[in-house]
């Protein structure tokens, strides 16, 4: 193992444990740590690339490391929603206000759509916090236009009313 790999391994293990120790089972935490280490080593995304990176960092057979990463990603007990508060706490740091962005992405010839909630940093870069991918087929969205007009007219009426002052 190279010295930078050992440094990554040490830093990654403490980072993952500090953020997610309270919400993940020990074995799942070890798998998340391995996936992060594999991603840093491979510097590429994708199950096979992450698995090969993990194999390189830990001296494992690539086939087994790829299988370990694949099982982690298909683990139904690993929930992004459960990890999000801990991740958001890290992203927010000591800031008292956050600017967030919602990004809805659809690909023209593909069925899945993804909604991503990101925190915008001071340097205008977005860090994803939560995301959800859904299949567009089978989704029915119906917003009656009268409901939209009614809501905005109610809002206008409330704004135009004089505020009562407490006595």
C-alpha atoms as a PDB file:
ATOM      1  CA  UNK A   1       0.000   0.000   0.000  1.00  0.00           C
ATOM      2  CA  UNK A   2       1.232   3.501  -0.811  1.00  0.00           C
ATOM      3  CA  UNK A   3       1.539   6.074   1.967  1.00  0.00           C
ATOM      4  CA  UNK A   4      -1.282   8.196   0.496  1.00  0.00           C
ATOM      5  CA  UNK A   5      -3.556   5.156   0.545  1.00  0.00           C
ATOM      6  CA  UNK A   6      -2.784   4.630   4.243  1.00  0.00           C
ATOM      7  CA  UNK A   7      -3.525   8.296   4.908  1.00  0.00           C
ATOM      8  CA  UNK A   8      -6.831   8.038   3.028  1.00  0.00           C
ATOM      9  CA  UNK A   9      -7.680   4.847   4.898  1.00  0.00           C
ATOM     10  CA  UNK A  10      -7.049   6.431   8.298  1.00  0.00           C
ATOM     11  CA  UNK A  11      -8.876   9.673   7.498  1.00  0.00           C
ATOM     12  CA  UNK A  12     -11.775   7.913   5.756  1.00  0.00           C
ATOM     13  CA  UNK A  13     -12.356   5.491   8.620  1.00  0.00           C
ATOM     14  CA  UNK A  14     -12.482   8.275  11.223  1.00  0.00           C
ATOM     15  CA  UNK A  15     -14.646  10.480   8.967  1.00  0.00           C
ATOM     16  CA  UNK A  16     -17.241   7.766   8.308  1.00  0.00           C
ATOM     17  CA  UNK A  17     -17.286   6.585  11.928  1.00  0.00           C
ATOM     18  CA  UNK A  18     -17.678  10.123  13.271  1.00  0.00           C
ATOM     19  CA  UNK A  19     -20.613  10.886  10.966  1.00  0.00           C
ATOM     20  CA  UNK A  20     -22.550   7.624  10.876  1.00  0.00           C
ATOM     21  CA  UNK A  21     -21.569   5.459  13.858  1.00  0.00           C
ATOM     22  CA  UNK A  22     -24.839   6.213  15.667  1.00  0.00           C
ATOM     23  CA  UNK A  23     -27.101   5.280  12.733  1.00  0.00           C
ATOM     24  CA  UNK A  24     -25.379   2.327  11.040  1.00  0.00           C
ATOM     25  CA  UNK A  25     -24.693  -1.240  12.126  1.00  0.00           C
ATOM     26  CA  UNK A  26     -20.956  -1.917  12.531  1.00  0.00           C
ATOM     27  CA  UNK A  27     -20.737  -4.180   9.459  1.00  0.00           C
ATOM     28  CA  UNK A  28     -22.646  -1.680   7.308  1.00  0.00           C
ATOM     29  CA  UNK A  29     -20.393   1.096   8.597  1.00  0.00           C
ATOM     30  CA  UNK A  30     -17.356  -0.970   7.537  1.00  0.00           C
ATOM     31  CA  UNK A  31     -18.879  -1.446   4.077  1.00  0.00           C
ATOM     32  CA  UNK A  32     -19.585   2.278   3.710  1.00  0.00           C
ATOM     33  CA  UNK A  33     -16.020   2.984   4.779  1.00  0.00           C
ATOM     34  CA  UNK A  34     -14.771   0.497   2.166  1.00  0.00           C
ATOM     35  CA  UNK A  35     -16.892   2.092  -0.559  1.00  0.00           C
ATOM     36  CA  UNK A  36     -15.602   5.575   0.296  1.00  0.00           C
ATOM     37  CA  UNK A  37     -12.021   4.289   0.337  1.00  0.00           C
ATOM     38  CA  UNK A  38     -12.596   2.511  -2.978  1.00  0.00           C
ATOM     39  CA  UNK A  39     -14.023   5.686  -4.513  1.00  0.00           C
ATOM     40  CA  UNK A  40     -11.049   7.765  -3.361  1.00  0.00           C
ATOM     41  CA  UNK A  41      -8.582   5.167  -4.620  1.00  0.00           C
ATOM     42  CA  UNK A  42     -10.280   4.680  -7.990  1.00  0.00           C
ATOM     43  CA  UNK A  43     -11.201   8.365  -8.451  1.00  0.00           C
ATOM     44  CA  UNK A  44     -14.144   7.136 -10.539  1.00  0.00           C
ATOM     45  CA  UNK A  45     -17.786   6.367  -9.897  1.00  0.00           C
ATOM     46  CA  UNK A  46     -19.495   3.088 -10.675  1.00  0.00           C
ATOM     47  CA  UNK A  47     -19.811  -0.143  -8.759  1.00  0.00           C
ATOM     48  CA  UNK A  48     -17.011  -1.957 -10.589  1.00  0.00           C
ATOM     49  CA  UNK A  49     -14.605   1.005 -10.385  1.00  0.00           C
ATOM     50  CA  UNK A  50     -15.281   1.497  -6.677  1.00  0.00           C
ATOM     51  CA  UNK A  51     -14.834  -2.233  -6.063  1.00  0.00           C
ATOM     52  CA  UNK A  52     -11.526  -2.279  -7.951  1.00  0.00           C
ATOM     53  CA  UNK A  53     -10.381   0.763  -5.974  1.00  0.00           C
ATOM     54  CA  UNK A  54     -11.311  -0.999  -2.738  1.00  0.00           C
ATOM     55  CA  UNK A  55      -9.429  -4.099  -3.875  1.00  0.00           C
ATOM     56  CA  UNK A  56      -6.356  -2.005  -4.663  1.00  0.00           C
ATOM     57  CA  UNK A  57      -6.480  -0.145  -1.336  1.00  0.00           C
ATOM     58  CA  UNK A  58      -6.952  -3.268   0.789  1.00  0.00           C
ATOM     59  CA  UNK A  59      -5.100  -5.826  -1.309  1.00  0.00           C
ATOM     60  CA  UNK A  60      -8.243  -7.852  -2.045  1.00  0.00           C
ATOM     61  CA  UNK A  61      -9.321  -9.811  -5.108  1.00  0.00           C
ATOM     62  CA  UNK A  62     -11.262  -7.392  -7.356  1.00  0.00           C
ATOM     63  CA  UNK A  63     -14.120  -9.859  -7.860  1.00  0.00           C
ATOM     64  CA  UNK A  64     -14.849 -10.025  -4.124  1.00  0.00           C
ATOM     65  CA  UNK A  65     -14.468  -6.281  -3.550  1.00  0.00           C
ATOM     66  CA  UNK A  66     -16.839  -5.495  -6.433  1.00  0.00           C
ATOM     67  CA  UNK A  67     -19.365  -7.933  -4.957  1.00  0.00           C
ATOM     68  CA  UNK A  68     -19.031  -6.252  -1.534  1.00  0.00           C
ATOM     69  CA  UNK A  69     -19.715  -2.791  -3.029  1.00  0.00           C
ATOM     70  CA  UNK A  70     -22.625  -4.148  -5.074  1.00  0.00           C
ATOM     71  CA  UNK A  71     -24.199  -5.700  -1.972  1.00  0.00           C
ATOM     72  CA  UNK A  72     -23.795  -2.448  -0.062  1.00  0.00           C
ATOM     73  CA  UNK A  73     -25.540  -0.435  -2.779  1.00  0.00           C
ATOM     74  CA  UNK A  74     -28.375  -2.950  -3.028  1.00  0.00           C
ATOM     75  CA  UNK A  75     -28.850  -3.130   0.763  1.00  0.00           C
ATOM     76  CA  UNK A  76     -32.442  -2.047   1.371  1.00  0.00           C
ATOM     77  CA  UNK A  77     -31.643  -1.304   5.025  1.00  0.00           C
ATOM     78  CA  UNK A  78     -29.181   1.404   3.980  1.00  0.00           C
ATOM     79  CA  UNK A  79     -31.381   4.470   3.680  1.00  0.00           C
ATOM     80  CA  UNK A  80     -30.211   7.846   2.401  1.00  0.00           C
ATOM     81  CA  UNK A  81     -33.061   9.420   4.370  1.00  0.00           C
ATOM     82  CA  UNK A  82     -31.662   7.957   7.608  1.00  0.00           C
ATOM     83  CA  UNK A  83     -28.140   9.218   6.868  1.00  0.00           C
ATOM     84  CA  UNK A  84     -29.187  12.679   5.631  1.00  0.00           C
ATOM     85  CA  UNK A  85     -29.405  14.436   9.038  1.00  0.00           C
ATOM     86  CA  UNK A  86     -25.842  13.403   9.899  1.00  0.00           C
ATOM     87  CA  UNK A  87     -24.592  14.368   6.425  1.00  0.00           C
ATOM     88  CA  UNK A  88     -26.406  17.705   6.571  1.00  0.00           C
ATOM     89  CA  UNK A  89     -24.927  18.417  10.003  1.00  0.00           C
ATOM     90  CA  UNK A  90     -21.454  17.953   8.488  1.00  0.00           C
ATOM     91  CA  UNK A  91     -22.258  20.056   5.398  1.00  0.00           C
ATOM     92  CA  UNK A  92     -23.846  22.868   7.417  1.00  0.00           C
ATOM     93  CA  UNK A  93     -21.035  23.059   9.932  1.00  0.00           C
ATOM     94  CA  UNK A  94     -21.572  26.047  12.208  1.00  0.00           C
ATOM     95  CA  UNK A  95     -23.588  28.097   9.698  1.00  0.00           C
ATOM     96  CA  UNK A  96     -26.888  29.456  10.947  1.00  0.00           C
ATOM     97  CA  UNK A  97     -28.400  29.908   7.470  1.00  0.00           C
ATOM     98  CA  UNK A  98     -28.287  27.664   4.422  1.00  0.00           C
ATOM     99  CA  UNK A  99     -29.096  28.295   0.796  1.00  0.00           C
ATOM    100  CA  UNK A 100     -30.536  25.184  -0.834  1.00  0.00           C
ATOM    101  CA  UNK A 101     -31.397  24.245  -4.380  1.00  0.00           C
ATOM    102  CA  UNK A 102     -33.816  21.673  -5.752  1.00  0.00           C
ATOM    103  CA  UNK A 103     -32.860  20.203  -9.097  1.00  0.00           C
ATOM    104  CA  UNK A 104     -35.254  18.009 -11.084  1.00  0.00           C
ATOM    105  CA  UNK A 105     -33.462  16.111 -13.847  1.00  0.00           C
ATOM    106  CA  UNK A 106     -35.135  14.174 -16.657  1.00  0.00           C
ATOM    107  CA  UNK A 107     -33.447  12.561 -19.604  1.00  0.00           C
ATOM    108  CA  UNK A 108     -35.407  12.700 -22.861  1.00  0.00           C
ATOM    109  CA  UNK A 109     -35.213   9.035 -23.834  1.00  0.00           C
ATOM    110  CA  UNK A 110     -35.056   7.598 -20.346  1.00  0.00           C
ATOM    111  CA  UNK A 111     -37.801   6.833 -17.826  1.00  0.00           C
ATOM    112  CA  UNK A 112     -36.149   7.739 -14.498  1.00  0.00           C
ATOM    113  CA  UNK A 113     -36.250  11.277 -13.120  1.00  0.00           C
ATOM    114  CA  UNK A 114     -34.178  12.495 -10.208  1.00  0.00           C
ATOM    115  CA  UNK A 115     -34.881  15.214  -7.665  1.00  0.00           C
ATOM    116  CA  UNK A 116     -31.833  16.447  -5.744  1.00  0.00           C
ATOM    117  CA  UNK A 117     -31.716  18.733  -2.698  1.00  0.00           C
ATOM    118  CA  UNK A 118     -28.327  20.447  -2.481  1.00  0.00           C
ATOM    119  CA  UNK A 119     -26.760  22.954  -0.121  1.00  0.00           C
ATOM    120  CA  UNK A 120     -25.117  25.879  -1.905  1.00  0.00           C
ATOM    121  CA  UNK A 121     -21.732  26.810  -0.448  1.00  0.00           C
ATOM    122  CA  UNK A 122     -20.229  30.296  -0.295  1.00  0.00           C
ATOM    123  CA  UNK A 123     -18.237  29.557  -3.455  1.00  0.00           C
ATOM    124  CA  UNK A 124     -21.555  28.777  -5.241  1.00  0.00           C
ATOM    125  CA  UNK A 125     -20.922  25.018  -5.455  1.00  0.00           C
ATOM    126  CA  UNK A 126     -23.762  22.630  -4.711  1.00  0.00           C
ATOM    127  CA  UNK A 127     -23.308  19.699  -2.325  1.00  0.00           C
ATOM    128  CA  UNK A 128     -26.035  17.049  -2.618  1.00  0.00           C
ATOM    129  CA  UNK A 129     -27.764  16.178   0.651  1.00  0.00           C
ATOM    130  CA  UNK A 130     -30.816  14.167  -0.445  1.00  0.00           C
ATOM    131  CA  UNK A 131     -31.923  12.713  -3.738  1.00  0.00           C
ATOM    132  CA  UNK A 132     -34.744  10.548  -4.981  1.00  0.00           C
ATOM    133  CA  UNK A 133     -35.035   8.778  -8.316  1.00  0.00           C
ATOM    134  CA  UNK A 134     -38.484   7.808  -9.560  1.00  0.00           C
ATOM    135  CA  UNK A 135     -39.835   6.146 -12.679  1.00  0.00           C
ATOM    136  CA  UNK A 136     -41.969   8.579 -14.666  1.00  0.00           C
ATOM    137  CA  UNK A 137     -44.236   5.869 -15.993  1.00  0.00           C
ATOM    138  CA  UNK A 138     -47.166   5.438 -13.712  1.00  0.00           C
ATOM    139  CA  UNK A 139     -46.912   8.898 -12.137  1.00  0.00           C
ATOM    140  CA  UNK A 140     -50.023  10.991 -12.551  1.00  0.00           C
ATOM    141  CA  UNK A 141     -49.807  14.654 -11.716  1.00  0.00           C
ATOM    142  CA  UNK A 142     -53.028  16.579 -11.751  1.00  0.00           C
ATOM    143  CA  UNK A 143     -53.254  20.107 -10.461  1.00  0.00           C
ATOM    144  CA  UNK A 144     -56.610  21.704 -11.197  1.00  0.00           C
ATOM    145  CA  UNK A 145     -56.028  25.166 -12.561  1.00  0.00           C
ATOM    146  CA  UNK A 146     -58.927  26.514 -10.471  1.00  0.00           C
ATOM    147  CA  UNK A 147     -57.101  25.342  -7.324  1.00  0.00           C
ATOM    148  CA  UNK A 148     -54.017  27.280  -8.297  1.00  0.00           C
ATOM    149  CA  UNK A 149     -56.025  30.443  -8.967  1.00  0.00           C
ATOM    150  CA  UNK A 150     -57.995  30.004  -5.757  1.00  0.00           C
ATOM    151  CA  UNK A 151     -54.816  29.660  -3.709  1.00  0.00           C
ATOM    152  CA  UNK A 152     -53.256  32.768  -5.199  1.00  0.00           C
ATOM    153  CA  UNK A 153     -56.461  34.782  -4.783  1.00  0.00           C
ATOM    154  CA  UNK A 154     -56.697  33.733  -1.116  1.00  0.00           C
ATOM    155  CA  UNK A 155     -53.077  34.797  -0.682  1.00  0.00           C
ATOM    156  CA  UNK A 156     -53.828  38.195  -2.298  1.00  0.00           C
ATOM    157  CA  UNK A 157     -56.848  38.680  -0.028  1.00  0.00           C
ATOM    158  CA  UNK A 158     -54.773  37.930   3.074  1.00  0.00           C
ATOM    159  CA  UNK A 159     -52.089  40.408   2.018  1.00  0.00           C
ATOM    160  CA  UNK A 160     -54.656  43.158   1.365  1.00  0.00           C
ATOM    161  CA  UNK A 161     -56.368  42.797   4.767  1.00  0.00           C
ATOM    162  CA  UNK A 162     -55.274  45.326   7.375  1.00  0.00           C
ATOM    163  CA  UNK A 163     -53.425  43.688  10.227  1.00  0.00           C
ATOM    164  CA  UNK A 164     -55.069  43.905  13.593  1.00  0.00           C
ATOM    165  CA  UNK A 165     -52.841  45.332  16.274  1.00  0.00           C
ATOM    166  CA  UNK A 166     -52.631  43.710  19.683  1.00  0.00           C
ATOM    167  CA  UNK A 167     -53.984  45.912  22.473  1.00  0.00           C
END
